[in-house]
């Protein structure tokens, strides 16, 4: 996955070549292409920060269009309940899914463990659970403890491509 830097609501720096609402749709497309062109081997993108940008349909449209053109998926981190990413992905027939759980908003070891228990509940109730975390020491430690317990709980860790929603078979015109 490419963790694409996008403008948050709070005045924080999302990183170099971030997608912001100050950009034209053409510049958004150029930055997406530039960011995706820096390496290969990924299956899709999700938003890094992006609580503001993902609510902007004019900016998200070229993002989702580029994913469609490349055959990539959209994982919405859901940093905003008003995100237009998933509805646009569905409309434009791009494989997509939303995250269910943030693992390390509370970066303490107990906080991450609590979120992993929540992820288990979601997965057992719905048949899948998508979590997003960061390579923080406590996140890694909690995952190291948790991963060997999955089989005993009837759970299996799978790649995101195994649970992503396939696009509807339809004819879609790109913007």
N, C-alpha and C. Protein backbone atom coordinates (compact mmCIF):
# COMPACT_ATOMS: atom_id res chain seq x y z
N UNK A 1 0.84 -1.18 0.00
CA UNK A 1 0.00 0.00 0.00
C UNK A 1 0.89 1.25 0.00
N UNK A 2 0.44 2.24 -0.71
CA UNK A 2 1.09 3.55 -0.67
C UNK A 2 0.27 4.41 0.28
N UNK A 3 0.93 4.94 1.26
CA UNK A 3 0.30 5.82 2.26
C UNK A 3 0.43 7.24 1.72
N UNK A 4 -0.57 7.69 0.95
CA UNK A 4 -0.52 8.95 0.21
C UNK A 4 -0.76 10.14 1.14
N UNK A 5 0.19 11.08 1.22
CA UNK A 5 0.01 12.23 2.10
C UNK A 5 -1.08 13.17 1.59
N UNK A 6 -2.01 13.49 2.49
CA UNK A 6 -3.13 14.36 2.14
C UNK A 6 -3.39 15.35 3.27
N UNK A 7 -3.95 16.48 2.92
CA UNK A 7 -4.19 17.58 3.86
C UNK A 7 -5.14 17.18 4.98
N UNK A 8 -4.71 17.39 6.24
CA UNK A 8 -5.60 17.16 7.37
C UNK A 8 -6.43 18.42 7.68
N UNK A 9 -7.41 18.29 8.56
CA UNK A 9 -8.17 19.45 9.01
C UNK A 9 -7.30 20.34 9.88
N UNK A 10 -6.58 19.73 10.83
CA UNK A 10 -5.70 20.50 11.71
C UNK A 10 -4.47 20.97 10.94
N UNK A 11 -3.92 22.11 11.32
CA UNK A 11 -2.73 22.62 10.62
C UNK A 11 -1.48 21.80 10.96
N UNK A 12 -1.34 20.67 10.27
CA UNK A 12 -0.19 19.78 10.44
C UNK A 12 0.41 19.53 9.07
N UNK A 13 1.70 19.23 9.04
CA UNK A 13 2.38 18.95 7.78
C UNK A 13 2.24 17.48 7.43
N UNK A 14 1.50 17.13 6.37
CA UNK A 14 1.35 15.73 5.99
C UNK A 14 2.56 15.16 5.25
N UNK A 15 3.53 16.01 4.92
CA UNK A 15 4.73 15.51 4.25
C UNK A 15 4.89 16.07 2.86
N UNK A 16 6.01 15.69 2.22
CA UNK A 16 6.30 16.21 0.88
C UNK A 16 5.30 15.71 -0.17
N UNK A 17 5.06 16.56 -1.15
CA UNK A 17 4.16 16.24 -2.27
C UNK A 17 2.77 15.85 -1.81
N UNK A 18 2.33 16.42 -0.68
CA UNK A 18 0.99 16.12 -0.16
C UNK A 18 -0.08 16.68 -1.08
N UNK A 19 -1.21 16.04 -1.07
CA UNK A 19 -2.36 16.50 -1.82
C UNK A 19 -3.13 17.46 -0.92
N UNK A 20 -3.31 18.70 -1.40
CA UNK A 20 -4.00 19.72 -0.61
C UNK A 20 -5.08 20.38 -1.44
N UNK A 21 -5.98 21.05 -0.74
CA UNK A 21 -7.09 21.73 -1.41
C UNK A 21 -6.64 23.00 -2.12
N UNK A 22 -5.41 23.40 -1.94
CA UNK A 22 -4.87 24.56 -2.65
C UNK A 22 -4.43 24.21 -4.07
N UNK A 23 -4.42 22.94 -4.42
CA UNK A 23 -3.94 22.48 -5.72
C UNK A 23 -5.06 22.40 -6.73
N UNK A 24 -4.71 22.58 -7.98
CA UNK A 24 -5.67 22.34 -9.06
C UNK A 24 -5.83 20.82 -9.22
N UNK A 25 -6.93 20.38 -9.80
CA UNK A 25 -7.07 18.94 -10.07
C UNK A 25 -5.92 18.39 -10.92
N UNK A 26 -5.39 19.22 -11.82
CA UNK A 26 -4.26 18.78 -12.66
C UNK A 26 -3.01 18.57 -11.81
N UNK A 27 -2.77 19.45 -10.85
CA UNK A 27 -1.61 19.30 -9.97
C UNK A 27 -1.81 18.12 -9.02
N UNK A 28 -3.04 17.89 -8.59
CA UNK A 28 -3.31 16.70 -7.77
C UNK A 28 -2.93 15.46 -8.57
N UNK A 29 -3.38 15.39 -9.80
CA UNK A 29 -3.06 14.24 -10.65
C UNK A 29 -1.55 14.10 -10.84
N UNK A 30 -0.87 15.21 -11.08
CA UNK A 30 0.58 15.15 -11.27
C UNK A 30 1.27 14.61 -10.02
N UNK A 31 0.84 15.07 -8.84
CA UNK A 31 1.46 14.60 -7.60
C UNK A 31 1.16 13.13 -7.33
N UNK A 32 -0.05 12.71 -7.62
CA UNK A 32 -0.38 11.29 -7.44
C UNK A 32 0.51 10.45 -8.34
N UNK A 33 0.62 10.84 -9.59
CA UNK A 33 1.47 10.09 -10.53
C UNK A 33 2.93 10.10 -10.09
N UNK A 34 3.41 11.24 -9.63
CA UNK A 34 4.79 11.35 -9.15
C UNK A 34 5.01 10.44 -7.94
N UNK A 35 4.11 10.51 -6.97
CA UNK A 35 4.25 9.68 -5.77
C UNK A 35 4.20 8.20 -6.11
N UNK A 36 3.29 7.81 -6.99
CA UNK A 36 3.18 6.40 -7.37
C UNK A 36 4.34 5.94 -8.23
N UNK A 37 4.98 6.88 -8.90
CA UNK A 37 6.10 6.53 -9.78
C UNK A 37 7.42 6.33 -9.05
N UNK A 38 7.46 6.57 -7.77
CA UNK A 38 8.72 6.48 -7.02
C UNK A 38 9.13 5.05 -6.69
N UNK A 39 8.19 4.11 -6.75
CA UNK A 39 8.50 2.70 -6.52
C UNK A 39 7.36 1.86 -7.06
N UNK A 40 7.46 0.55 -6.97
CA UNK A 40 6.40 -0.32 -7.48
C UNK A 40 6.13 -1.45 -6.49
N UNK A 41 5.24 -2.33 -6.87
CA UNK A 41 4.94 -3.48 -6.02
C UNK A 41 3.75 -3.28 -5.09
N UNK A 42 3.04 -2.18 -5.21
CA UNK A 42 1.90 -1.91 -4.34
C UNK A 42 0.61 -2.28 -5.07
N UNK A 43 -0.46 -2.48 -4.29
CA UNK A 43 -1.75 -2.85 -4.87
C UNK A 43 -2.76 -1.71 -4.79
N UNK A 44 -2.43 -0.66 -4.04
CA UNK A 44 -3.35 0.45 -3.91
C UNK A 44 -2.80 1.51 -2.98
N UNK A 45 -3.69 2.46 -2.64
CA UNK A 45 -3.28 3.53 -1.74
C UNK A 45 -4.30 3.69 -0.62
N UNK A 46 -3.83 4.33 0.44
CA UNK A 46 -4.72 4.85 1.46
C UNK A 46 -4.22 6.23 1.83
N UNK A 47 -5.05 6.97 2.53
CA UNK A 47 -4.69 8.34 2.85
C UNK A 47 -3.88 8.43 4.14
N UNK A 48 -2.79 9.17 4.07
CA UNK A 48 -2.03 9.57 5.25
C UNK A 48 -2.59 10.92 5.66
N UNK A 49 -3.12 10.99 6.87
CA UNK A 49 -3.87 12.16 7.31
C UNK A 49 -5.07 12.29 6.37
N UNK A 50 -5.27 13.44 5.74
CA UNK A 50 -6.31 13.57 4.72
C UNK A 50 -7.71 13.88 5.21
N UNK A 51 -7.88 14.21 6.48
CA UNK A 51 -9.23 14.47 6.99
C UNK A 51 -9.91 15.63 6.27
N UNK A 52 -9.14 16.54 5.72
CA UNK A 52 -9.74 17.63 4.93
C UNK A 52 -9.79 17.27 3.45
N UNK A 53 -8.68 16.79 2.91
CA UNK A 53 -8.61 16.54 1.46
C UNK A 53 -9.62 15.49 1.01
N UNK A 54 -9.80 14.42 1.79
CA UNK A 54 -10.70 13.35 1.35
C UNK A 54 -12.16 13.76 1.30
N UNK A 55 -12.48 14.95 1.82
CA UNK A 55 -13.86 15.45 1.74
C UNK A 55 -14.09 16.30 0.49
N UNK A 56 -13.03 16.55 -0.28
CA UNK A 56 -13.07 17.44 -1.44
C UNK A 56 -13.22 16.61 -2.71
N UNK A 57 -14.42 16.56 -3.24
CA UNK A 57 -14.70 15.71 -4.41
C UNK A 57 -13.86 16.11 -5.63
N UNK A 58 -13.68 17.41 -5.87
CA UNK A 58 -12.89 17.84 -7.03
C UNK A 58 -11.44 17.38 -6.95
N UNK A 59 -10.91 17.24 -5.75
CA UNK A 59 -9.55 16.75 -5.58
C UNK A 59 -9.46 15.24 -5.56
N UNK A 60 -10.44 14.60 -4.98
CA UNK A 60 -10.43 13.13 -4.90
C UNK A 60 -10.74 12.48 -6.24
N UNK A 61 -11.45 13.18 -7.10
CA UNK A 61 -11.79 12.59 -8.40
C UNK A 61 -10.55 12.22 -9.21
N UNK A 62 -9.54 13.11 -9.37
CA UNK A 62 -8.36 12.67 -10.11
C UNK A 62 -7.56 11.58 -9.39
N UNK A 63 -7.64 11.52 -8.08
CA UNK A 63 -6.97 10.45 -7.32
C UNK A 63 -7.59 9.12 -7.68
N UNK A 64 -8.90 9.04 -7.56
CA UNK A 64 -9.61 7.79 -7.84
C UNK A 64 -9.50 7.42 -9.33
N UNK A 65 -9.53 8.42 -10.21
CA UNK A 65 -9.37 8.16 -11.64
C UNK A 65 -8.00 7.54 -11.94
N UNK A 66 -6.96 8.03 -11.26
CA UNK A 66 -5.62 7.47 -11.47
C UNK A 66 -5.54 6.03 -10.96
N UNK A 67 -6.21 5.76 -9.85
CA UNK A 67 -6.24 4.38 -9.35
C UNK A 67 -6.94 3.47 -10.36
N UNK A 68 -8.03 3.95 -10.92
CA UNK A 68 -8.75 3.14 -11.91
C UNK A 68 -7.87 2.88 -13.13
N UNK A 69 -7.19 3.90 -13.60
CA UNK A 69 -6.34 3.75 -14.78
C UNK A 69 -5.20 2.75 -14.53
N UNK A 70 -4.75 2.66 -13.30
CA UNK A 70 -3.63 1.76 -12.96
C UNK A 70 -4.08 0.42 -12.41
N UNK A 71 -5.38 0.23 -12.23
CA UNK A 71 -5.87 -1.04 -11.68
C UNK A 71 -5.54 -1.21 -10.20
N UNK A 72 -5.54 -0.08 -9.46
CA UNK A 72 -5.21 -0.11 -8.03
C UNK A 72 -6.46 0.05 -7.18
N UNK A 73 -6.35 -0.29 -5.92
CA UNK A 73 -7.47 -0.18 -5.00
C UNK A 73 -7.36 1.05 -4.11
N UNK A 74 -8.50 1.44 -3.54
CA UNK A 74 -8.60 2.55 -2.59
C UNK A 74 -8.97 1.98 -1.23
N UNK A 75 -8.12 2.21 -0.24
CA UNK A 75 -8.42 1.90 1.16
C UNK A 75 -8.63 3.23 1.86
N UNK A 76 -9.85 3.50 2.27
CA UNK A 76 -10.14 4.76 2.94
C UNK A 76 -9.81 4.61 4.42
N UNK A 77 -8.87 5.41 4.89
CA UNK A 77 -8.49 5.40 6.29
C UNK A 77 -9.59 5.95 7.19
N UNK A 78 -10.57 6.60 6.57
CA UNK A 78 -11.72 7.16 7.29
C UNK A 78 -11.28 8.14 8.38
N UNK A 79 -10.40 9.06 8.00
CA UNK A 79 -10.00 10.11 8.92
C UNK A 79 -11.07 11.18 9.02
N UNK A 80 -12.07 11.10 8.14
CA UNK A 80 -13.23 11.99 8.19
C UNK A 80 -14.47 11.20 7.83
N UNK A 81 -15.52 11.38 8.61
CA UNK A 81 -16.80 10.73 8.30
C UNK A 81 -17.39 11.27 7.00
N UNK A 82 -16.91 12.43 6.56
CA UNK A 82 -17.41 13.04 5.32
C UNK A 82 -16.55 12.70 4.10
N UNK A 83 -15.67 11.72 4.22
CA UNK A 83 -14.82 11.34 3.09
C UNK A 83 -15.67 10.94 1.89
N UNK A 84 -15.24 11.41 0.73
CA UNK A 84 -15.91 11.06 -0.52
C UNK A 84 -15.15 9.96 -1.27
N UNK A 85 -14.07 9.46 -0.68
CA UNK A 85 -13.23 8.48 -1.35
C UNK A 85 -13.95 7.21 -1.75
N UNK A 86 -14.62 6.58 -0.81
CA UNK A 86 -15.29 5.32 -1.10
C UNK A 86 -16.48 5.52 -2.04
N UNK A 87 -17.34 6.52 -1.83
CA UNK A 87 -18.42 6.72 -2.81
C UNK A 87 -17.90 6.97 -4.23
N UNK A 88 -16.82 7.75 -4.35
CA UNK A 88 -16.24 7.97 -5.68
C UNK A 88 -15.66 6.68 -6.26
N UNK A 89 -14.98 5.91 -5.42
CA UNK A 89 -14.42 4.64 -5.90
C UNK A 89 -15.53 3.72 -6.40
N UNK A 90 -16.62 3.65 -5.67
CA UNK A 90 -17.75 2.83 -6.11
C UNK A 90 -18.31 3.34 -7.43
N UNK A 91 -18.51 4.65 -7.51
CA UNK A 91 -19.06 5.27 -8.72
C UNK A 91 -18.16 5.02 -9.93
N UNK A 92 -16.84 5.03 -9.70
CA UNK A 92 -15.88 4.90 -10.80
C UNK A 92 -15.36 3.47 -10.96
N UNK A 93 -16.01 2.51 -10.28
CA UNK A 93 -15.69 1.08 -10.38
C UNK A 93 -14.24 0.78 -10.01
N UNK A 94 -13.79 1.36 -8.91
CA UNK A 94 -12.45 1.10 -8.39
C UNK A 94 -12.59 0.20 -7.16
N UNK A 95 -11.83 -0.89 -7.10
CA UNK A 95 -11.89 -1.73 -5.90
C UNK A 95 -11.62 -0.88 -4.66
N UNK A 96 -12.40 -1.13 -3.60
CA UNK A 96 -12.29 -0.26 -2.43
C UNK A 96 -12.71 -0.96 -1.16
N UNK A 97 -12.28 -0.38 -0.05
CA UNK A 97 -12.69 -0.85 1.27
C UNK A 97 -12.36 0.25 2.28
N UNK A 98 -13.08 0.27 3.37
CA UNK A 98 -12.81 1.22 4.45
C UNK A 98 -12.14 0.51 5.60
N UNK A 99 -11.30 1.22 6.34
CA UNK A 99 -10.71 0.63 7.53
C UNK A 99 -11.79 0.54 8.60
N UNK A 100 -11.66 -0.48 9.42
CA UNK A 100 -12.58 -0.67 10.53
C UNK A 100 -12.00 -0.16 11.85
N UNK A 101 -10.70 -0.29 12.01
CA UNK A 101 -10.07 0.00 13.30
C UNK A 101 -8.73 0.70 13.09
N UNK A 102 -8.50 1.76 13.85
CA UNK A 102 -7.16 2.34 13.97
C UNK A 102 -6.51 1.65 15.16
N UNK A 103 -5.35 1.09 14.96
CA UNK A 103 -4.70 0.34 16.04
C UNK A 103 -4.05 1.22 17.10
N UNK A 104 -3.51 2.36 16.69
CA UNK A 104 -2.63 3.06 17.63
C UNK A 104 -2.92 4.56 17.78
N UNK A 105 -4.21 4.93 17.73
CA UNK A 105 -4.53 6.30 18.12
C UNK A 105 -4.08 6.52 19.56
N UNK A 106 -4.32 5.53 20.41
CA UNK A 106 -3.73 5.49 21.74
C UNK A 106 -2.50 4.60 21.58
N UNK A 107 -1.30 5.20 21.54
CA UNK A 107 -0.10 4.42 21.21
C UNK A 107 0.44 3.55 22.35
N UNK A 108 -0.23 3.54 23.49
CA UNK A 108 0.24 2.69 24.59
C UNK A 108 0.04 1.22 24.23
N UNK A 109 0.81 0.35 24.84
CA UNK A 109 0.69 -1.08 24.57
C UNK A 109 -0.73 -1.56 24.90
N UNK A 110 -1.27 -1.13 26.02
CA UNK A 110 -2.64 -1.52 26.37
C UNK A 110 -3.66 -0.95 25.39
N UNK A 111 -3.41 0.27 24.89
CA UNK A 111 -4.30 0.87 23.91
C UNK A 111 -4.34 0.07 22.62
N UNK A 112 -3.18 -0.37 22.14
CA UNK A 112 -3.13 -1.16 20.91
C UNK A 112 -3.77 -2.53 21.14
N UNK A 113 -3.50 -3.14 22.29
CA UNK A 113 -4.13 -4.43 22.60
C UNK A 113 -5.65 -4.31 22.60
N UNK A 114 -6.17 -3.24 23.16
CA UNK A 114 -7.61 -3.00 23.19
C UNK A 114 -8.16 -2.92 21.77
N UNK A 115 -7.46 -2.21 20.89
CA UNK A 115 -7.92 -2.07 19.51
C UNK A 115 -7.85 -3.41 18.76
N UNK A 116 -6.86 -4.23 19.06
CA UNK A 116 -6.78 -5.55 18.44
C UNK A 116 -7.97 -6.42 18.88
N UNK A 117 -8.38 -6.31 20.14
CA UNK A 117 -9.57 -7.03 20.60
C UNK A 117 -10.80 -6.51 19.86
N UNK A 118 -10.87 -5.21 19.65
CA UNK A 118 -11.99 -4.64 18.90
C UNK A 118 -11.98 -5.15 17.45
N UNK A 119 -10.81 -5.24 16.86
CA UNK A 119 -10.68 -5.77 15.50
C UNK A 119 -11.20 -7.21 15.43
N UNK A 120 -10.87 -8.02 16.42
CA UNK A 120 -11.36 -9.39 16.47
C UNK A 120 -12.88 -9.42 16.48
N UNK A 121 -13.48 -8.56 17.30
CA UNK A 121 -14.94 -8.49 17.41
C UNK A 121 -15.55 -8.13 16.06
N UNK A 122 -14.98 -7.12 15.40
CA UNK A 122 -15.47 -6.71 14.09
C UNK A 122 -15.35 -7.86 13.10
N UNK A 123 -14.20 -8.52 13.07
CA UNK A 123 -13.96 -9.61 12.11
C UNK A 123 -14.91 -10.78 12.34
N UNK A 124 -15.13 -11.13 13.59
CA UNK A 124 -16.02 -12.26 13.88
C UNK A 124 -17.48 -11.91 13.57
N UNK A 125 -17.85 -10.64 13.75
CA UNK A 125 -19.22 -10.21 13.49
C UNK A 125 -19.50 -10.05 12.00
N UNK A 126 -18.53 -9.50 11.24
CA UNK A 126 -18.78 -9.15 9.84
C UNK A 126 -18.09 -10.06 8.83
N UNK A 127 -17.18 -10.88 9.28
CA UNK A 127 -16.45 -11.76 8.37
C UNK A 127 -15.15 -11.18 7.86
N UNK A 128 -14.86 -9.93 8.25
CA UNK A 128 -13.58 -9.30 7.89
C UNK A 128 -13.34 -8.12 8.82
N UNK A 129 -12.09 -7.78 8.96
CA UNK A 129 -11.73 -6.60 9.75
C UNK A 129 -10.49 -5.98 9.14
N UNK A 130 -10.55 -4.69 8.88
CA UNK A 130 -9.41 -3.98 8.28
C UNK A 130 -8.89 -2.99 9.32
N UNK A 131 -7.61 -3.15 9.63
CA UNK A 131 -6.98 -2.28 10.62
C UNK A 131 -5.84 -1.52 9.98
N UNK A 132 -5.61 -0.32 10.51
CA UNK A 132 -4.48 0.49 10.09
C UNK A 132 -3.69 0.84 11.33
N UNK A 133 -2.38 0.67 11.24
CA UNK A 133 -1.50 1.04 12.34
C UNK A 133 -0.21 1.61 11.78
N UNK A 134 0.64 1.99 12.68
CA UNK A 134 1.92 2.59 12.31
C UNK A 134 3.06 1.76 12.89
N UNK A 135 4.25 1.86 12.30
CA UNK A 135 5.38 1.05 12.79
C UNK A 135 5.98 1.62 14.08
N UNK A 136 5.14 1.74 15.09
CA UNK A 136 5.56 2.22 16.41
C UNK A 136 5.94 1.01 17.27
N UNK A 137 6.81 1.23 18.21
CA UNK A 137 7.29 0.12 19.05
C UNK A 137 6.15 -0.65 19.70
N UNK A 138 5.19 0.05 20.31
CA UNK A 138 4.10 -0.65 20.99
C UNK A 138 3.16 -1.35 20.02
N UNK A 139 2.97 -0.78 18.85
CA UNK A 139 2.14 -1.43 17.85
C UNK A 139 2.78 -2.74 17.41
N UNK A 140 4.07 -2.69 17.14
CA UNK A 140 4.79 -3.89 16.72
C UNK A 140 4.80 -4.93 17.84
N UNK A 141 5.01 -4.51 19.08
CA UNK A 141 5.03 -5.44 20.21
C UNK A 141 3.66 -6.10 20.37
N UNK A 142 2.59 -5.31 20.29
CA UNK A 142 1.25 -5.88 20.43
C UNK A 142 0.94 -6.86 19.31
N UNK A 143 1.33 -6.51 18.08
CA UNK A 143 1.11 -7.42 16.96
C UNK A 143 1.92 -8.71 17.12
N UNK A 144 3.13 -8.59 17.62
CA UNK A 144 3.98 -9.76 17.84
C UNK A 144 3.31 -10.73 18.83
N UNK A 145 2.65 -10.20 19.83
CA UNK A 145 1.93 -11.04 20.80
C UNK A 145 0.66 -11.62 20.18
N UNK A 146 -0.04 -10.81 19.42
CA UNK A 146 -1.38 -11.14 18.94
C UNK A 146 -1.39 -12.11 17.76
N UNK A 147 -0.49 -11.93 16.82
CA UNK A 147 -0.52 -12.74 15.60
C UNK A 147 -0.52 -14.25 15.85
N UNK A 148 0.31 -14.78 16.77
CA UNK A 148 0.28 -16.23 17.00
C UNK A 148 -1.03 -16.75 17.61
N UNK A 149 -1.90 -15.87 18.09
CA UNK A 149 -3.15 -16.30 18.72
C UNK A 149 -4.31 -16.39 17.74
N UNK A 150 -4.13 -15.94 16.51
CA UNK A 150 -5.25 -15.84 15.57
C UNK A 150 -5.92 -17.18 15.26
N UNK A 151 -5.13 -18.19 14.95
CA UNK A 151 -5.70 -19.48 14.56
C UNK A 151 -6.60 -20.04 15.66
N UNK A 152 -6.18 -19.89 16.90
CA UNK A 152 -6.98 -20.38 18.02
C UNK A 152 -8.29 -19.64 18.19
N UNK A 153 -8.41 -18.48 17.59
CA UNK A 153 -9.63 -17.67 17.66
C UNK A 153 -10.48 -17.80 16.40
N UNK A 154 -10.03 -18.64 15.47
CA UNK A 154 -10.76 -18.81 14.22
C UNK A 154 -10.56 -17.67 13.25
N UNK A 155 -9.44 -16.96 13.38
CA UNK A 155 -9.14 -15.82 12.52
C UNK A 155 -7.91 -16.10 11.67
N UNK A 156 -7.87 -15.46 10.51
CA UNK A 156 -6.76 -15.62 9.58
C UNK A 156 -6.34 -14.23 9.10
N UNK A 157 -5.05 -13.97 9.10
CA UNK A 157 -4.53 -12.72 8.55
C UNK A 157 -4.39 -12.90 7.04
N UNK A 158 -4.98 -11.98 6.27
CA UNK A 158 -4.94 -12.07 4.81
C UNK A 158 -4.52 -10.74 4.23
N UNK A 159 -4.03 -10.74 3.00
CA UNK A 159 -3.72 -9.46 2.34
C UNK A 159 -5.00 -8.67 2.08
N UNK A 160 -4.85 -7.37 1.99
CA UNK A 160 -6.00 -6.50 1.77
C UNK A 160 -6.76 -6.88 0.50
N UNK A 161 -6.06 -7.40 -0.49
CA UNK A 161 -6.71 -7.79 -1.75
C UNK A 161 -7.70 -8.93 -1.56
N UNK A 162 -7.60 -9.67 -0.46
CA UNK A 162 -8.53 -10.78 -0.22
C UNK A 162 -9.88 -10.30 0.32
N UNK A 163 -9.94 -9.08 0.82
CA UNK A 163 -11.20 -8.60 1.40
C UNK A 163 -11.75 -7.35 0.72
N UNK A 164 -11.01 -6.81 -0.21
CA UNK A 164 -11.45 -5.57 -0.88
C UNK A 164 -12.71 -5.84 -1.71
N UNK A 165 -13.56 -4.85 -1.77
CA UNK A 165 -14.79 -4.97 -2.56
C UNK A 165 -14.46 -4.74 -4.03
N UNK A 166 -14.76 -5.74 -4.84
CA UNK A 166 -14.52 -5.62 -6.28
C UNK A 166 -15.48 -4.59 -6.87
N UNK A 167 -15.05 -3.90 -7.91
CA UNK A 167 -15.94 -2.92 -8.54
C UNK A 167 -17.11 -3.61 -9.21
N UNK A 168 -18.22 -2.91 -9.26
CA UNK A 168 -19.38 -3.44 -9.96
C UNK A 168 -19.09 -3.51 -11.45
N UNK A 169 -19.61 -4.53 -12.09
CA UNK A 169 -19.42 -4.65 -13.53
C UNK A 169 -20.35 -3.65 -14.21
N UNK A 170 -19.76 -2.57 -14.68
CA UNK A 170 -20.55 -1.52 -15.32
C UNK A 170 -19.65 -0.70 -16.21
N UNK A 171 -20.27 0.02 -17.10
CA UNK A 171 -19.55 0.92 -17.95
C UNK A 171 -19.44 2.27 -17.22
N UNK A 172 -18.22 2.76 -17.07
CA UNK A 172 -18.01 3.98 -16.33
C UNK A 172 -17.21 4.94 -17.20
N UNK A 173 -17.67 6.18 -17.28
CA UNK A 173 -16.91 7.19 -18.00
C UNK A 173 -16.10 7.99 -17.00
N UNK A 174 -14.84 8.19 -17.30
CA UNK A 174 -13.94 8.93 -16.41
C UNK A 174 -14.09 10.41 -16.65
N UNK A 175 -13.86 11.20 -15.59
CA UNK A 175 -13.91 12.66 -15.76
C UNK A 175 -12.82 13.16 -16.67
